Amino acid sequence: MNEHMTDDNTNDETTAAIFDLARNRSLDEQVSHPGREKRRLPKRFYSRAEVGAHEEGHAILLDGRVVKTPSKRPLAVPSLALAQAMAAEWEAQKDEIDPRSMWLTKLANTAIDLVAPRREAVIDELVSYAGTDLLCYRAEHPAALAARQAALWDPVLGWAAAQGIALTPTFGILHVAQPEASLAAYRAALAKLDAFRLAALHNAVTLTSSAVTGLAVVLGRLSPQEAFDIAHLDEHWQMDLCGHDEDEVARLAGRRAELLETGRFVTLLD
């Protein structure tokens, strides 16, 4: 076999494996041992990351070769601005490649490998979130918390209702069925989104537990920071009352960072 071809195939396997979901999860779960690094990350094997023209848009190139997704599809996106930002993520890697520092690339991989091939299933899942939207489940007391929820959540529900997505709020945690017409309107809004925006929406919805908040981010109605504050109102209320727990603060910081990068991903698509 040609030696150059062997190297090319090896590089394809390497780039595809870097973002394998199971591999990333195992990195986070590795146990630290004395005298050994906790994380075993792949070594940087390329000299230059850049963008190149591709039949599917703009591809990420490492030393002239197209990066592959975990499913070994070309890592190509429709926007030059997004591709340049993703290439910058690859170029910023030092001696080792840490996929957890590459938010945009991870989201593009998700769009290509997990959303595009199963678009209708993803839409079905998102519509199910609309049926149990966080903003519909309100506290009755204390009055100050109920007032804060109304102040932050009602405008978002009002915006959604203006799009035909009128959701019914309730007090407590008992499930309330949402109008079928509203769920159909939400589905129709999602049908207009491409795979990359659907991937961003799925990320925003899971980070906020709110289908309408996520849609508001993707459509530019809310900034990612506004969406974070709306979605984590209860956690911030609890911390104001009981003090800040370090683990909770770290968890929220991670969610905020991912939501901000999700918003950046959408902005770069435009």
Protein backbone atom coordinates (compact mmCIF):
# COMPACT_ATOMS: atom_id res chain seq x y z
CA MET A 1 0.00 0.00 0.00
CA ASN A 2 1.15 3.55 -0.78
CA GLU A 3 2.77 5.10 2.32
CA HIS A 4 1.11 8.49 1.72
CA MET A 5 -2.30 6.83 1.51
CA THR A 6 -1.67 5.05 4.79
CA ASP A 7 -0.88 8.36 6.50
CA ASP A 8 -4.00 9.97 5.03
CA ASN A 9 -6.23 7.16 6.24
CA THR A 10 -4.67 7.35 9.69
CA ASN A 11 -5.34 11.09 9.87
CA ASP A 12 -8.95 10.54 8.79
CA GLU A 13 -9.41 7.99 11.57
CA THR A 14 -7.80 10.35 14.08
CA THR A 15 -9.94 13.38 13.30
CA ALA A 16 -13.08 11.25 13.25
CA ALA A 17 -12.24 9.71 16.62
CA ILE A 18 -11.39 12.95 18.43
CA PHE A 19 -15.04 13.96 18.71
CA ASP A 20 -16.51 10.52 19.27
CA LEU A 21 -19.08 11.09 22.03
CA ALA A 22 -18.16 8.01 24.05
CA ARG A 23 -14.49 8.95 23.89
CA ASN A 24 -15.18 12.49 25.13
CA ARG A 25 -17.30 11.17 27.99
CA SER A 26 -14.57 8.74 29.06
CA LEU A 27 -12.08 11.61 29.18
CA ASP A 28 -14.26 13.37 31.73
CA GLU A 29 -14.65 10.20 33.80
CA GLN A 30 -10.99 9.18 33.96
CA VAL A 31 -9.70 8.73 37.48
CA SER A 32 -6.64 10.70 38.45
CA HIS A 33 -3.67 8.70 39.75
CA PRO A 34 -0.56 10.04 41.47
CA GLY A 35 2.14 10.92 39.00
CA ARG A 36 -0.16 10.72 35.96
CA GLU A 37 -2.18 13.30 34.06
CA LYS A 38 -5.91 12.89 34.54
CA ARG A 39 -6.79 13.42 30.90
CA ARG A 40 -5.27 11.50 28.02
CA LEU A 41 -5.79 13.72 25.01
CA PRO A 42 -4.75 13.06 21.42
CA LYS A 43 -1.55 14.75 20.30
CA ARG A 44 -1.73 17.51 17.75
CA PHE A 45 -0.65 15.91 14.47
CA TYR A 46 -1.08 18.81 12.02
CA SER A 47 0.79 22.02 11.32
CA ARG A 48 -1.98 24.24 9.95
CA ALA A 49 -5.76 24.52 10.16
CA GLU A 50 -7.61 26.50 7.50
CA VAL A 51 -10.81 26.70 5.44
CA GLY A 52 -11.26 25.36 1.94
CA ALA A 53 -14.06 25.35 -0.61
CA HIS A 54 -16.15 22.17 -0.61
CA GLU A 55 -19.21 20.94 -2.49
CA GLU A 56 -21.12 21.04 0.81
CA GLY A 57 -20.00 24.58 1.67
CA HIS A 58 -16.80 25.47 3.51
CA ALA A 59 -14.67 22.67 4.91
CA ILE A 60 -12.11 22.62 7.71
CA LEU A 61 -8.70 21.53 6.43
CA LEU A 62 -5.76 20.22 8.43
CA ASP A 63 -2.60 20.43 6.35
CA GLY A 64 -4.79 20.52 3.27
CA ARG A 65 -6.97 17.55 4.14
CA VAL A 66 -10.67 17.77 4.99
CA VAL A 67 -11.48 17.02 8.64
CA LYS A 68 -13.95 14.18 9.15
CA THR A 69 -16.80 14.02 11.66
CA PRO A 70 -17.13 11.04 14.03
CA SER A 71 -19.29 9.37 11.36
CA LYS A 72 -16.53 10.10 8.83
CA ARG A 73 -18.47 12.70 6.89
CA PRO A 74 -16.72 15.85 5.67
CA LEU A 75 -16.73 18.60 8.29
CA ALA A 76 -18.22 21.29 6.06
CA VAL A 77 -20.61 24.10 6.98
CA PRO A 78 -22.70 26.52 4.91
CA SER A 79 -21.18 29.73 6.32
CA LEU A 80 -17.65 30.97 5.68
CA ALA A 81 -17.66 32.90 8.95
CA LEU A 82 -18.54 29.77 10.92
CA ALA A 83 -15.92 27.71 9.09
CA GLN A 84 -13.24 30.30 9.86
CA ALA A 85 -14.18 30.30 13.54
CA MET A 86 -14.04 26.50 13.61
CA ALA A 87 -10.65 26.50 11.91
CA ALA A 88 -9.48 28.94 14.57
CA GLU A 89 -10.54 26.40 17.23
CA TRP A 90 -8.31 23.77 15.58
CA GLU A 91 -5.45 26.24 15.13
CA ALA A 92 -5.66 27.24 18.81
CA GLN A 93 -4.91 23.70 20.01
CA LYS A 94 -1.45 23.30 21.48
CA ASP A 95 0.50 20.05 21.87
CA GLU A 96 -2.72 18.15 22.61
CA ILE A 97 -6.21 18.41 21.12
CA ASP A 98 -8.94 18.98 23.68
CA PRO A 99 -12.34 18.56 21.98
CA ARG A 100 -14.11 20.10 24.97
CA SER A 101 -12.56 23.45 24.09
CA MET A 102 -14.01 23.32 20.58
CA TRP A 103 -17.69 24.18 21.03
CA LEU A 104 -18.38 25.21 17.45
CA THR A 105 -16.81 22.10 15.97
CA LYS A 106 -18.76 19.86 18.33
CA LEU A 107 -22.04 21.52 17.37
CA ALA A 108 -21.27 21.25 13.66
CA ASN A 109 -20.46 17.56 14.12
CA THR A 110 -23.82 17.12 15.83
CA ALA A 111 -25.64 18.84 12.98
CA ILE A 112 -23.96 16.72 10.32
CA ASP A 113 -23.96 13.33 12.04
CA LEU A 114 -26.97 13.35 14.36
CA VAL A 115 -29.45 15.93 13.06
CA ALA A 116 -29.32 15.86 9.27
CA PRO A 117 -29.80 12.06 8.99
CA ARG A 118 -32.72 12.01 11.47
CA ARG A 119 -34.27 15.42 11.03
CA GLU A 120 -37.90 14.43 11.72
CA ALA A 121 -36.99 12.52 14.88
CA VAL A 122 -35.11 15.56 16.19
CA ILE A 123 -38.10 17.80 15.44
CA ASP A 124 -40.40 15.33 17.22
CA GLU A 125 -38.16 15.45 20.29
CA LEU A 126 -38.13 19.25 20.30
CA VAL A 127 -41.92 19.41 19.97
CA SER A 128 -42.16 17.13 23.01
CA TYR A 129 -40.14 19.73 24.96
CA ALA A 130 -42.74 22.32 23.98
CA GLY A 131 -45.34 20.14 25.65
CA THR A 132 -43.51 20.40 28.99
CA ASP A 133 -41.89 23.83 28.74
CA LEU A 134 -40.21 25.13 31.91
CA LEU A 135 -41.85 28.55 31.53
CA CYS A 136 -45.30 27.02 31.95
CA TYR A 137 -44.68 25.68 35.48
CA ARG A 138 -44.87 28.47 38.03
CA ALA A 139 -44.40 28.85 41.75
CA GLU A 140 -47.40 30.07 43.76
CA HIS A 141 -45.20 31.21 46.62
CA PRO A 142 -43.16 32.91 47.82
CA ALA A 143 -44.78 35.89 46.15
CA ALA A 144 -41.43 37.47 45.26
CA LEU A 145 -40.37 34.36 43.31
CA ALA A 146 -43.72 34.17 41.53
CA ALA A 147 -43.39 37.84 40.59
CA ARG A 148 -39.85 37.34 39.27
CA GLN A 149 -40.98 34.37 37.17
CA ALA A 150 -43.84 36.41 35.72
CA ALA A 151 -41.54 39.34 34.94
CA LEU A 152 -39.00 37.22 33.05
CA TRP A 153 -41.13 34.41 31.66
CA ASP A 154 -44.35 36.12 30.55
CA PRO A 155 -42.67 38.22 27.83
CA VAL A 156 -41.19 35.09 26.27
CA LEU A 157 -44.53 33.29 26.32
CA GLY A 158 -46.13 36.41 24.88
CA TRP A 159 -43.61 36.47 22.03
CA ALA A 160 -44.24 32.78 21.36
CA ALA A 161 -48.01 33.33 21.36
CA ALA A 162 -47.54 36.03 18.72
CA GLN A 163 -45.93 33.33 16.55
CA GLY A 164 -48.98 31.12 17.05
CA ILE A 165 -47.28 29.10 19.81
CA ALA A 166 -49.61 29.94 22.71
CA LEU A 167 -48.62 27.80 25.70
CA THR A 168 -50.74 27.45 28.83
CA PRO A 169 -49.00 28.20 32.15
CA THR A 170 -49.97 26.53 35.40
CA PHE A 171 -48.99 26.57 39.06
CA GLY A 172 -47.06 23.65 40.50
CA ILE A 173 -45.53 20.67 38.75
CA LEU A 174 -48.58 18.69 37.61
CA HIS A 175 -48.52 18.27 33.84
CA VAL A 176 -50.80 20.49 31.78
CA ALA A 177 -51.54 19.50 28.19
CA GLN A 178 -50.65 22.18 25.64
CA PRO A 179 -52.97 23.08 22.72
CA GLU A 180 -52.37 20.91 19.67
CA ALA A 181 -52.54 23.98 17.45
CA SER A 182 -49.68 25.55 19.40
CA LEU A 183 -47.55 22.43 19.14
CA ALA A 184 -48.29 22.31 15.41
CA ALA A 185 -47.19 25.94 15.09
CA TYR A 186 -43.96 25.14 16.93
CA ARG A 187 -43.36 22.21 14.58
CA ALA A 188 -43.95 24.50 11.59
CA ALA A 189 -41.38 26.97 12.89
CA LEU A 190 -38.83 24.18 13.23
CA ALA A 191 -39.52 22.93 9.70
CA LYS A 192 -38.02 26.20 8.39
CA LEU A 193 -34.66 25.59 10.09
CA ASP A 194 -31.73 23.82 8.47
CA ALA A 195 -29.82 21.03 10.22
CA PHE A 196 -27.26 23.42 11.73
CA ARG A 197 -29.87 25.70 13.27
CA LEU A 198 -31.83 22.67 14.47
CA ALA A 199 -28.70 21.38 16.19
CA ALA A 200 -28.22 24.77 17.83
CA LEU A 201 -31.88 24.83 18.84
CA HIS A 202 -31.67 21.36 20.38
CA ASN A 203 -28.65 22.48 22.39
CA ALA A 204 -30.35 25.69 23.51
CA VAL A 205 -33.55 23.84 24.47
CA THR A 206 -31.75 21.19 26.52
CA LEU A 207 -29.64 23.86 28.26
CA THR A 208 -32.68 26.00 29.14
CA SER A 209 -35.36 23.28 29.55
CA SER A 210 -37.55 25.56 27.45
CA ALA A 211 -38.58 25.01 23.84
CA VAL A 212 -39.71 28.60 23.35
CA THR A 213 -36.63 30.10 25.03
CA GLY A 214 -34.40 28.03 22.77
CA LEU A 215 -36.35 29.11 19.69
CA ALA A 216 -36.13 32.75 20.79
CA VAL A 217 -32.32 32.43 20.90
CA VAL A 218 -32.09 30.82 17.46
CA LEU A 219 -34.41 33.42 15.92
CA GLY A 220 -32.62 36.32 17.59
CA ARG A 221 -35.42 37.34 19.96
CA LEU A 222 -33.27 36.66 23.03
CA SER A 223 -29.54 36.89 23.57
CA PRO A 224 -27.89 33.77 25.03
CA GLN A 225 -27.26 35.66 28.28
CA GLU A 226 -30.91 36.68 28.54
CA ALA A 227 -31.95 33.08 27.87
CA PHE A 228 -29.57 31.82 30.56
CA ASP A 229 -30.95 34.25 33.15
CA ILE A 230 -34.55 33.31 32.24
CA ALA A 231 -33.93 29.58 32.36
CA HIS A 232 -31.95 29.58 35.61
CA LEU A 233 -34.06 32.02 37.55
CA ASP A 234 -34.97 29.37 40.14
CA GLU A 235 -31.35 28.32 40.74
CA HIS A 236 -30.27 31.93 41.21
CA TRP A 237 -33.18 32.54 43.55
CA GLN A 238 -32.15 29.55 45.63
CA MET A 239 -28.53 30.67 45.78
CA ASP A 240 -29.57 34.17 46.83
CA LEU A 241 -31.46 32.60 49.74
CA CYS A 242 -29.05 29.87 50.79
CA GLY A 243 -25.67 31.02 49.57
CA HIS A 244 -23.52 29.88 46.69
CA ASP A 245 -22.50 26.25 46.42
CA GLU A 246 -19.20 25.84 44.55
CA ASP A 247 -20.35 22.79 42.58
CA GLU A 248 -23.57 24.50 41.54
CA VAL A 249 -21.74 27.66 40.55
CA ALA A 250 -19.36 25.59 38.40
CA ARG A 251 -22.26 23.70 36.81
CA LEU A 252 -24.08 26.89 35.93
CA ALA A 253 -20.90 28.47 34.57
CA GLY A 254 -20.45 25.50 32.23
CA ARG A 255 -24.03 25.72 31.02
CA ARG A 256 -23.72 29.46 30.48
CA ALA A 257 -20.53 29.04 28.46
CA GLU A 258 -22.12 26.40 26.24
CA LEU A 259 -25.24 28.51 25.72
CA LEU A 260 -23.14 31.53 24.77
CA GLU A 261 -21.22 29.44 22.24
CA THR A 262 -24.49 28.06 20.89
CA GLY A 263 -25.65 31.63 20.30
CA ARG A 264 -22.34 32.44 18.65
CA PHE A 265 -22.76 29.40 16.39
CA VAL A 266 -26.14 30.71 15.22
CA THR A 267 -24.78 34.23 14.68
CA LEU A 268 -21.93 32.87 12.56
CA LEU A 269 -24.43 30.97 10.40
CA ASP A 270 -26.15 34.21 9.33
